[in-house]
Protein backbone atom coordinates (compact mmCIF):
# COMPACT_ATOMS: atom_id res chain seq x y z
CA MET A 1 48.82 65.94 80.95
CA SER A 2 52.72 66.55 81.61
CA TRP A 3 54.20 69.17 83.56
CA GLN A 4 54.65 72.40 81.00
CA PRO A 5 57.49 75.81 81.99
CA ARG A 6 55.49 79.04 81.99
CA LYS A 7 56.42 80.16 78.36
CA THR A 8 55.52 84.38 79.11
CA THR A 9 57.51 85.09 81.61
CA LEU A 10 60.45 83.97 84.60
CA THR A 11 59.88 82.57 87.65
CA ARG A 12 61.01 85.00 90.67
CA TYR A 13 63.77 82.41 91.24
CA GLY A 14 65.12 82.76 87.75
CA GLY A 15 66.73 79.49 86.91
CA TRP A 16 68.51 79.34 90.24
CA LEU A 17 66.03 76.78 91.41
CA PRO A 18 64.49 74.82 88.69
CA ALA A 19 60.83 75.73 87.98
CA ASN A 20 59.80 71.66 88.02
CA PRO A 21 60.44 70.66 91.76
CA ALA A 22 60.75 67.25 90.23
CA VAL A 23 64.22 68.63 88.39
CA HIS A 24 65.83 69.58 91.45
CA LYS A 25 64.61 66.11 93.41
CA SER A 26 66.08 64.07 90.48
CA PHE A 27 69.52 66.63 90.26
CA ILE A 28 69.87 65.61 94.23
CA GLN A 29 68.90 61.92 93.53
CA HIS A 30 71.47 61.77 90.74
CA LEU A 31 74.24 63.23 92.17
CA ALA A 32 73.60 60.55 95.42
CA GLN A 33 73.86 57.66 92.88
CA ARG A 34 76.94 58.55 91.25
CA SER A 35 79.17 59.45 94.95
CA ALA A 36 77.47 56.52 96.89
CA THR A 37 80.19 53.96 96.06
CA ALA A 38 83.18 56.88 96.65
CA HIS A 39 81.48 57.52 99.92
CA ARG A 40 81.15 54.11 100.75
CA THR A 41 84.94 53.38 100.01
CA ARG A 42 86.26 56.67 101.21
CA ALA A 43 87.85 57.09 98.09
CA THR A 44 89.99 60.16 97.61
CA HIS A 45 88.96 63.97 97.24
CA THR A 46 90.00 65.83 94.31
CA GLU A 47 92.25 68.02 95.33
CA PRO A 48 90.47 71.46 95.46
CA VAL A 49 87.57 69.32 97.33
CA ALA A 50 90.53 68.18 100.13
CA LYS A 51 91.62 71.71 100.67
CA PHE A 52 88.39 72.57 101.93
CA GLN A 53 88.14 69.61 103.67
CA ALA A 54 91.49 70.30 105.28
CA ALA A 55 90.14 74.29 106.14
CA ILE A 56 87.13 73.02 108.00
CA ASN A 57 88.41 70.53 110.24
CA ALA A 58 91.23 72.59 110.84
CA ASP A 59 88.95 75.12 112.98
CA PRO A 60 86.99 72.90 115.29
CA GLU A 61 83.87 75.76 115.84
CA MET A 62 83.63 75.22 111.88
CA VAL A 63 83.44 71.87 112.24
CA ASN A 64 80.80 72.09 114.84
CA LEU A 65 78.58 74.39 112.89
CA TRP A 66 78.62 72.05 110.15
CA SER A 67 76.93 69.62 112.51
CA GLN A 68 74.14 71.77 113.56
CA ILE A 69 73.66 72.62 110.03
CA PHE A 70 72.77 68.84 109.20
CA LEU A 71 70.34 68.90 112.34
CA GLN A 72 68.62 72.55 111.59
CA ALA A 73 68.01 71.89 107.81
CA SER A 74 64.49 71.09 106.72
CA PRO A 75 63.20 67.32 106.13
CA GLU A 76 63.21 67.79 102.32
CA ASN A 77 66.96 68.26 102.80
CA LYS A 78 68.48 64.93 101.29
CA ILE A 79 72.09 65.59 101.95
CA THR A 80 72.86 64.12 105.52
CA SER A 81 76.31 65.17 106.54
CA PHE A 82 79.49 66.69 105.92
CA ASP A 83 81.09 64.01 104.13
CA GLN A 84 77.99 62.68 101.50
CA LEU A 85 78.06 66.89 100.77
CA LEU A 86 81.90 66.33 100.23
CA TYR A 87 81.16 63.84 97.79
CA HIS A 88 78.72 65.60 95.74
CA MET A 89 81.39 68.64 95.37
CA ASP A 90 83.68 66.75 93.97
CA ILE A 91 81.64 65.60 91.11
CA ILE A 92 80.54 69.42 90.50
CA VAL A 93 83.87 70.81 90.06
CA VAL A 94 85.27 68.83 87.90
CA ALA A 95 82.20 69.31 85.38
CA PRO A 96 80.82 71.78 83.28
CA PRO A 97 76.75 72.62 84.35
CA LYS A 98 74.33 70.42 82.20
CA PHE A 99 71.25 70.95 81.14
CA HIS A 100 69.25 67.80 83.31
CA VAL A 101 66.86 65.88 82.14
CA ALA A 102 64.77 64.17 84.56
CA LYS A 103 61.01 62.41 85.48
CA ASP A 104 57.89 64.02 86.85
CA ASP A 105 55.63 61.97 89.12
CA GLU A 106 54.10 60.47 85.51
CA GLY A 107 57.07 59.41 84.27
CA ASN A 108 57.13 62.35 81.30
CA VAL A 109 60.54 63.41 80.77
CA ILE A 110 61.40 66.87 81.55
CA GLY A 111 64.69 68.92 81.26
CA GLU A 112 65.88 72.57 82.73
CA PRO A 113 68.89 73.99 83.16
CA ILE A 114 71.13 73.36 86.06
CA GLY A 115 73.60 76.56 85.85
CA VAL A 116 74.38 76.95 89.84
CA PRO A 117 74.68 72.97 90.92
CA MET A 118 76.73 74.03 94.07
CA TYR A 119 74.04 76.18 95.09
CA LEU A 120 71.30 73.86 94.95
CA ILE A 121 72.87 71.09 97.24
CA PHE A 122 73.69 74.29 99.75
CA ASP A 123 70.37 75.79 98.88
CA LEU A 124 68.47 73.79 102.02
CA LEU A 125 71.34 73.65 104.40
CA SER A 126 71.69 77.56 104.16
CA ASN A 127 68.34 78.30 105.31
CA THR A 128 69.80 77.52 109.05
CA GLY A 129 70.72 79.63 112.28
CA ALA A 130 73.86 77.32 112.24
CA ALA A 131 74.64 78.38 108.44
CA TYR A 132 74.06 81.91 109.08
CA ASP A 133 76.65 81.99 111.48
CA LEU A 134 78.82 79.83 109.42
CA PHE A 135 78.79 81.33 105.77
CA ARG A 136 79.60 84.21 107.22
CA LYS A 137 82.68 83.77 108.80
CA PRO A 138 85.99 84.42 106.81
CA ALA A 139 87.73 81.30 107.38
CA PHE A 140 85.31 79.71 105.55
CA ASN A 141 84.74 81.90 102.63
CA THR A 142 88.52 82.27 102.23
CA ALA A 143 87.89 78.23 101.85
CA MET A 144 85.17 78.55 99.41
CA LYS A 145 86.52 80.86 97.27
CA ASP A 146 89.94 78.47 97.13
CA LEU A 147 87.33 75.85 96.11
CA LEU A 148 85.40 77.95 93.22
CA ASP A 149 88.47 79.50 92.13
CA ALA A 150 89.53 75.54 91.20
CA TRP A 151 86.05 75.03 89.53
CA GLY A 152 86.06 78.39 87.91
CA LEU A 153 89.36 77.35 86.02
CA TYR A 154 88.10 74.00 84.90
CA LEU A 155 85.63 76.07 83.43
CA THR A 156 88.00 77.84 81.31
CA SER A 157 89.65 74.67 80.01
CA PRO A 158 88.62 72.84 76.30
CA ASP A 159 87.06 69.68 78.87
CA SER A 160 84.65 72.03 79.77
CA ASN A 161 82.98 72.56 76.38
CA LYS A 162 81.26 68.39 76.52
CA THR A 163 77.82 69.77 77.26
CA LEU A 164 77.68 72.54 74.90
CA THR A 165 76.34 69.49 72.85
CA GLU A 166 72.96 68.33 71.01
CA GLU A 167 72.51 65.84 72.92
CA GLU A 168 70.16 65.25 75.58
CA GLU A 169 71.99 67.34 78.12
CA GLY A 170 73.85 69.12 76.31
CA TRP A 171 73.05 72.97 76.29
CA PHE A 172 72.43 72.95 72.02
CA SER A 173 69.31 70.22 72.60
CA PRO A 174 66.02 71.19 71.27
CA VAL A 175 64.62 71.67 74.65
CA ALA A 176 67.59 73.71 76.12
CA LEU A 177 67.58 75.84 73.00
CA GLU A 178 64.27 76.74 73.79
CA SER A 179 64.77 77.70 77.23
CA LEU A 180 68.12 79.90 76.35
CA GLU A 181 65.60 81.73 73.84
CA ALA A 182 62.58 82.17 75.63
CA ASN A 183 61.10 85.25 76.97
CA GLY A 184 61.85 87.17 74.24
CA ARG A 185 65.77 86.56 74.43
CA GLY A 186 65.82 85.69 70.61
CA ASN A 187 67.24 82.93 68.02
CA PHE A 188 70.44 82.10 69.74
CA ASN A 189 72.96 82.39 66.75
CA ALA A 190 70.90 85.51 65.80
CA THR A 191 70.93 86.97 69.20
CA TYR A 192 74.60 86.17 70.31
CA VAL A 193 78.59 85.71 69.04
CA CYS A 194 78.77 82.62 67.81
CA PRO A 195 82.92 82.01 67.09
CA ASP A 196 81.76 79.33 64.61
CA PRO A 197 77.83 78.97 64.10
CA ASP A 198 78.20 76.09 62.31
CA ALA A 199 79.33 73.75 64.69
CA VAL A 200 77.29 71.96 67.05
CA ASN A 201 79.07 73.91 70.40
CA ARG A 202 78.96 77.01 68.07
CA GLY A 203 82.49 77.39 68.06
CA PHE A 204 82.87 78.00 72.12
CA THR A 205 85.87 76.72 73.16
CA SER A 206 85.05 76.63 76.97
CA TRP A 207 81.92 76.65 79.48
CA ASP A 208 83.18 79.90 80.27
CA HIS A 209 83.52 80.93 76.58
CA PHE A 210 79.76 80.14 75.93
CA PHE A 211 78.73 81.71 79.26
CA THR A 212 79.88 85.22 78.62
CA ARG A 213 79.01 85.08 75.31
CA GLU A 214 78.76 88.53 73.76
CA ILE A 215 75.66 89.87 71.65
CA GLN A 216 75.62 90.67 68.19
CA PRO A 217 75.92 94.41 67.18
CA GLY A 218 72.49 95.99 66.98
CA VAL A 219 70.33 92.93 68.87
CA ARG A 220 70.18 94.83 71.92
CA PRO A 221 70.18 98.42 70.41
CA VAL A 222 70.70 101.58 73.06
CA HIS A 223 66.94 103.43 71.96
CA PHE A 224 66.95 107.47 72.14
CA PRO A 225 70.79 108.01 72.96
CA GLU A 226 70.52 111.93 72.45
CA ASN A 227 68.27 111.74 75.01
CA LYS A 228 70.47 112.00 78.39
CA THR A 229 67.45 112.12 80.95
CA LEU A 230 66.97 108.43 80.00
CA ILE A 231 68.57 105.53 82.40
CA HIS A 232 68.75 102.00 80.57
CA SER A 233 69.04 98.78 81.95
CA ALA A 234 72.62 97.85 82.58
CA CYS A 235 71.94 93.96 82.69
CA GLU A 236 69.80 91.49 81.18
CA SER A 237 67.47 91.04 84.07
CA THR A 238 64.16 90.46 85.90
CA VAL A 239 63.40 93.36 88.26
CA TYR A 240 63.33 92.77 91.95
CA ARG A 241 63.17 95.34 94.08
CA ILE A 242 62.85 99.62 94.07
CA GLN A 243 63.31 101.43 96.91
CA THR A 244 63.25 104.87 97.22
CA ASP A 245 64.45 107.35 100.75
CA VAL A 246 67.01 104.74 101.25
CA LYS A 247 69.29 105.29 104.73
CA ASP A 248 72.45 105.28 105.75
CA HIS A 249 72.64 102.43 107.90
CA ASP A 250 69.11 100.31 108.41
CA GLN A 251 68.53 96.80 110.23
CA PHE A 252 67.90 93.92 108.50
CA TRP A 253 64.75 91.72 109.58
CA LEU A 254 63.43 87.99 108.04
CA LYS A 255 61.39 90.56 106.24
CA GLY A 256 60.83 93.83 104.54
CA GLN A 257 64.84 94.15 103.92
CA ALA A 258 65.99 97.07 103.53
CA TYR A 259 68.75 98.82 101.90
CA SER A 260 71.89 100.20 104.15
CA VAL A 261 73.97 102.22 101.00
CA TYR A 262 76.95 102.75 103.88
CA ASP A 263 77.07 98.58 103.76
CA MET A 264 75.74 98.60 100.39
CA LEU A 265 79.13 100.32 99.18
CA TYR A 266 81.61 98.79 101.61
CA ARG A 267 81.55 101.13 104.28
CA ASP A 268 82.68 103.84 102.22
CA ASN A 269 81.84 107.59 103.45
CA ILE A 270 81.09 108.05 99.31
CA ALA A 271 77.56 106.33 100.58
CA GLN A 272 76.51 110.06 102.10
CA SER A 273 76.17 110.74 98.49
CA PHE A 274 72.78 108.44 98.31
CA VAL A 275 71.51 108.38 101.40
CA GLY A 276 67.86 109.82 100.60
CA GLY A 277 68.20 108.81 96.96
CA THR A 278 66.73 105.25 95.00
CA VAL A 279 67.97 102.22 94.67
CA TYR A 280 66.84 99.68 91.48
CA GLN A 281 67.80 95.78 91.81
CA ALA A 282 67.21 93.30 89.22
CA PHE A 283 68.79 89.59 88.68
CA LEU A 284 69.75 87.74 86.39
CA SER A 285 69.31 83.75 85.42
CA PRO A 286 72.13 81.12 84.29
CA GLN A 287 70.40 81.68 80.67
CA ASP A 288 70.61 85.26 80.46
CA TYR A 289 73.55 87.58 79.15
CA HIS A 290 76.10 88.04 81.73
CA ARG A 291 77.89 90.94 80.39
CA TRP A 292 77.03 94.67 82.39
CA ARG A 293 76.92 97.29 80.47
CA SER A 294 76.53 101.27 81.25
CA PRO A 295 73.12 102.36 82.10
CA ILE A 296 73.82 106.17 81.41
CA ASP A 297 77.03 108.72 79.70
CA GLY A 298 78.86 109.69 81.79
CA THR A 299 83.12 109.23 83.64
CA ILE A 300 83.90 106.46 85.68
CA THR A 301 85.26 107.35 89.22
CA ARG A 302 86.30 104.64 91.13
CA ALA A 303 85.74 100.66 90.02
CA GLU A 304 86.62 98.00 92.60
CA ILE A 305 85.86 94.27 93.82
CA VAL A 306 85.28 94.04 97.35
CA PRO A 307 85.09 90.24 99.35
CA GLY A 308 82.23 89.05 101.13
CA THR A 309 80.12 85.60 101.69
CA TYR A 310 78.82 82.87 98.79
CA TYR A 311 76.53 81.29 100.10
CA ALA A 312 75.00 83.27 103.84
CA VAL A 313 71.48 83.67 103.39
CA LEU A 314 69.07 84.95 105.82
CA PRO A 315 67.39 82.42 107.36
CA ASP A 316 63.50 82.19 107.12
CA ALA A 317 60.33 80.31 107.77
CA GLY A 318 60.13 79.43 103.83
CA ALA A 319 57.89 80.97 100.93
CA GLU A 320 55.38 83.70 101.70
CA VAL A 321 51.73 83.72 100.66
CA GLY A 322 51.38 85.15 97.28
CA ASP A 323 54.90 83.49 96.09
CA PRO A 324 54.01 82.83 92.32
CA ASP A 325 56.30 79.61 92.16
CA LEU A 326 56.73 77.86 95.45
CA GLN A 327 54.12 76.97 97.53
CA PRO A 328 54.15 78.89 101.18
CA GLY A 329 56.51 77.58 104.30
CA ASP A 330 58.21 75.73 101.30
CA PRO A 331 61.73 76.23 102.57
CA HIS A 332 63.84 76.14 99.05
CA GLY A 333 65.21 79.82 97.77
CA ALA A 334 66.01 81.95 100.59
CA LEU A 335 69.25 83.17 98.98
CA ILE A 336 66.77 84.08 96.30
CA ARG A 337 64.12 85.64 99.07
CA SER A 338 67.68 87.45 100.51
CA GLN A 339 68.89 89.26 97.73
CA ALA A 340 68.46 92.79 99.00
CA TRP A 341 70.56 91.50 101.82
CA LEU A 342 73.27 90.01 99.43
CA THR A 343 73.84 93.78 98.14
CA LEU A 344 75.64 94.20 101.64
CA SER A 345 77.00 91.03 102.18
CA SER A 346 78.25 89.40 98.85
CA THR A 347 81.42 89.39 96.91
CA ARG A 348 81.01 92.45 94.44
CA ALA A 349 81.79 94.79 91.96
CA ILE A 350 81.37 98.64 92.43
CA ILE A 351 81.48 100.76 89.92
CA TYR A 352 80.68 104.87 90.14
CA ILE A 353 79.78 106.40 87.63
CA GLN A 354 79.24 110.69 87.07
CA SER A 355 76.64 111.12 84.80
CA ASP A 356 77.27 114.25 82.15
CA ASN A 357 73.65 115.21 83.03
CA PRO A 358 73.98 117.01 86.39
CA ASP A 359 70.38 115.98 87.15
CA ILE A 360 71.35 112.20 87.43
CA GLY A 361 74.54 113.09 89.50
CA LEU A 362 76.94 110.25 90.42
CA VAL A 363 75.20 106.56 89.85
CA ALA A 364 76.53 103.41 91.83
CA PHE A 365 76.49 100.02 90.06
CA ILE A 366 77.20 97.27 92.41
CA ALA A 367 77.05 93.81 90.43
CA VAL A 368 76.51 91.03 93.37
CA GLY A 369 78.43 88.12 92.94
CA MET A 370 75.69 85.34 94.42
CA ALA A 371 76.58 81.65 95.02
CA GLU A 372 79.21 80.13 92.77
CA VAL A 373 79.08 83.63 90.55
CA SER A 374 81.95 84.91 92.38
CA THR A 375 84.08 86.36 89.98
CA CYS A 376 83.32 89.91 88.51
CA THR A 377 85.37 91.07 85.85
CA ILE A 378 85.60 94.77 86.17
CA SER A 379 85.95 96.33 82.02
CA VAL A 380 86.79 99.66 82.42
CA GLN A 381 89.06 101.76 84.87
CA LYS A 382 89.19 105.25 86.78
CA GLY A 383 88.71 108.33 84.47
CA GLN A 384 87.24 106.46 81.67
CA LYS A 385 84.29 107.96 79.59
CA VAL A 386 81.50 105.69 79.10
CA SER A 387 78.75 105.92 76.39
CA THR A 388 74.87 104.31 77.30
CA GLY A 389 75.55 100.68 76.55
CA ASP A 390 79.52 100.14 76.66
CA GLU A 391 80.57 97.45 78.71
CA LEU A 392 81.45 97.89 82.29
CA GLY A 393 82.53 94.29 82.70
CA MET A 394 81.00 90.58 83.47
CA PHE A 395 79.98 87.80 85.41
CA HIS A 396 81.39 84.61 85.14
CA PHE A 397 79.11 81.28 85.24
CA GLY A 398 75.91 80.92 87.47
CA GLY A 399 73.37 83.55 87.64
CA SER A 400 73.52 86.67 90.11
CA SER A 401 72.05 90.40 90.61
CA HIS A 402 72.96 93.93 90.71
CA ALA A 403 71.63 96.97 91.79
CA LEU A 404 71.56 100.75 90.93
CA ILE A 405 72.02 103.58 92.87
CA PHE A 406 70.66 107.17 92.34
CA GLY A 407 71.35 110.11 94.72
CA PRO A 408 68.26 112.36 96.42
CA GLN A 409 68.85 114.69 93.94
CA ALA A 410 67.80 112.58 91.01
CA LYS A 411 64.15 112.82 90.51
CA VAL A 412 63.81 109.05 89.40
CA THR A 413 60.36 108.09 87.00
CA PHE A 414 60.18 104.20 86.62
CA ALA A 415 58.47 103.00 83.72
CA ASP A 416 55.48 101.65 83.54
CA HIS A 417 56.69 98.15 82.41
CA VAL A 418 59.50 98.12 85.05
CA LYS A 419 57.56 96.07 87.53
CA VAL A 420 58.75 92.87 90.19
CA ASP A 421 59.01 90.07 88.46
CA GLN A 422 59.47 91.65 84.77
CA HIS A 423 62.09 90.20 82.53
CA LEU A 424 64.22 93.13 80.84
CA LYS A 425 66.54 92.97 78.23
CA VAL A 426 69.90 95.28 78.44
CA ASN A 427 69.91 98.45 77.30
CA SER A 428 66.43 99.12 77.57
CA ILE A 429 64.81 102.06 78.97
CA ILE A 430 64.07 101.58 82.48
CA ALA A 431 63.40 105.38 84.09
CA GLN A 432 63.46 108.51 83.30
CA VAL A 433 65.41 111.69 85.44
CA SER A 434 63.41 115.10 85.43
CA LYS A 435 64.72 117.98 86.63
CA ALA A 436 64.81 118.97 90.62
C-alpha cells in the first residue's frame, strides 16, 4: 500500500517537515545532485551566497563553529561541509519553493510542499550545541538577514511565479491543490482572492503575491462581533501551547520550556502588565493564510519589529515518546519543538492592542518570524482603532508562529475545541473573557 498523508489533521510539524520522510530525503538528494558539478568545479557562488560566505570567513570563531556543527550533527545529516551547504544555498535563493515530488521506498510517487527549503537544509545542523552558539551571534544573523532579504526580493519578481503551474511540481497541480485545500481550508478559488481565477497561476504575479494572498470577503467571518467578551483567532494556525500564570523572567531548559514575558516583549518594562497572565501560541504551515487579524476590538497603542535569530533552536535529544509524527529520538524538527523559546529569540513583530472591553485590557500580539520567514510587515499604527478581524500585518513566504498575551486581570476561558495540535481558522472564536 502506498503511503498516504493524514486527511483529518495537520501534523505537529505543520508542513515545516514533510510528513513523509521519503520526501525530505529525496529533497536533500536532489539538491546534492544539482549542486555536485558546481561543488566539484568550485563554481562561483551567487551574489547573496558569496556575501554570506565572506561574512562567515571574516570571523575565525564563526568558521570554527561551522566546523564543529558538522562534527556534532546526527548521522542522518547528509550535508557534510560548509562548502557543500553553500552550493545547496545557491540553488535555493534563485528559485521559488515548489511542491516536491518524490518516490517512497516502494517506488510510489508522492508529493509534498517544500515551503521552507532553507530550513530543511538547516534542520539537523541547527540541533547541535555549536549551532546554538553560532546561530545566536549577531554577526551571523546580520549575514543571514542579508541573504534572506535577497531571496525575498527575488520572490517578488515575475520569474518567481514559475512554480505556480499545474505541472507535476507546481502549486496548482491536483496533488498540490489537495494539500492547499486540506483540513477544511476550502476550495482555493472560492477561499482566496485570485486576480485571474481562470488562469493557471490564478493571476498571481510572483511567489510572494501567491503566498500573501488575501481571503475572499465572508469566507472567514467574525462570529458574534457584538459580543465584546470573545477572543478570536489572529491567524490560521495550529495550537501549540497555552500557559497561565506566566513569569516576568524564567529559565529555558531542554524540556518544559516556560514563557518569559520580559524577554518575549524585547525586555520592555511593559512586560510587567502581563506578569501572571496567559499566553496562547499557535503556528502556521506553509499552506496556511499568512495575514494576521485582530483578535479583539480596540486601539493600537504600539507596533514594532524587533531583531532576533533565524535558525537558532534549543538543541535536544530528539522527539519525545508520544510525538504524533516522529519516532522517539528522531533529531529532526528541533525548531518546532523550540517554539516557546523562539518567542523571545526570533525576529518578530509585536503589536499592543488596548481592548475596548476593560475586562480584557491590554493584549500583546507577537508574530514570530521562524527560519526564512523573517519578514514581518505591520499594517497598523499607533492610535489606530481596530475591530475584530481587521488586518494587523502579514508574514512573507514559509510558515511561522504567533502568540497572544493577556494580563492577569483577564479571566480567559478557552473553548473546548482549542486543543494542542488542533488546526483553527483565522477569525474563529478561541476564548471568552469573564469579569474578574
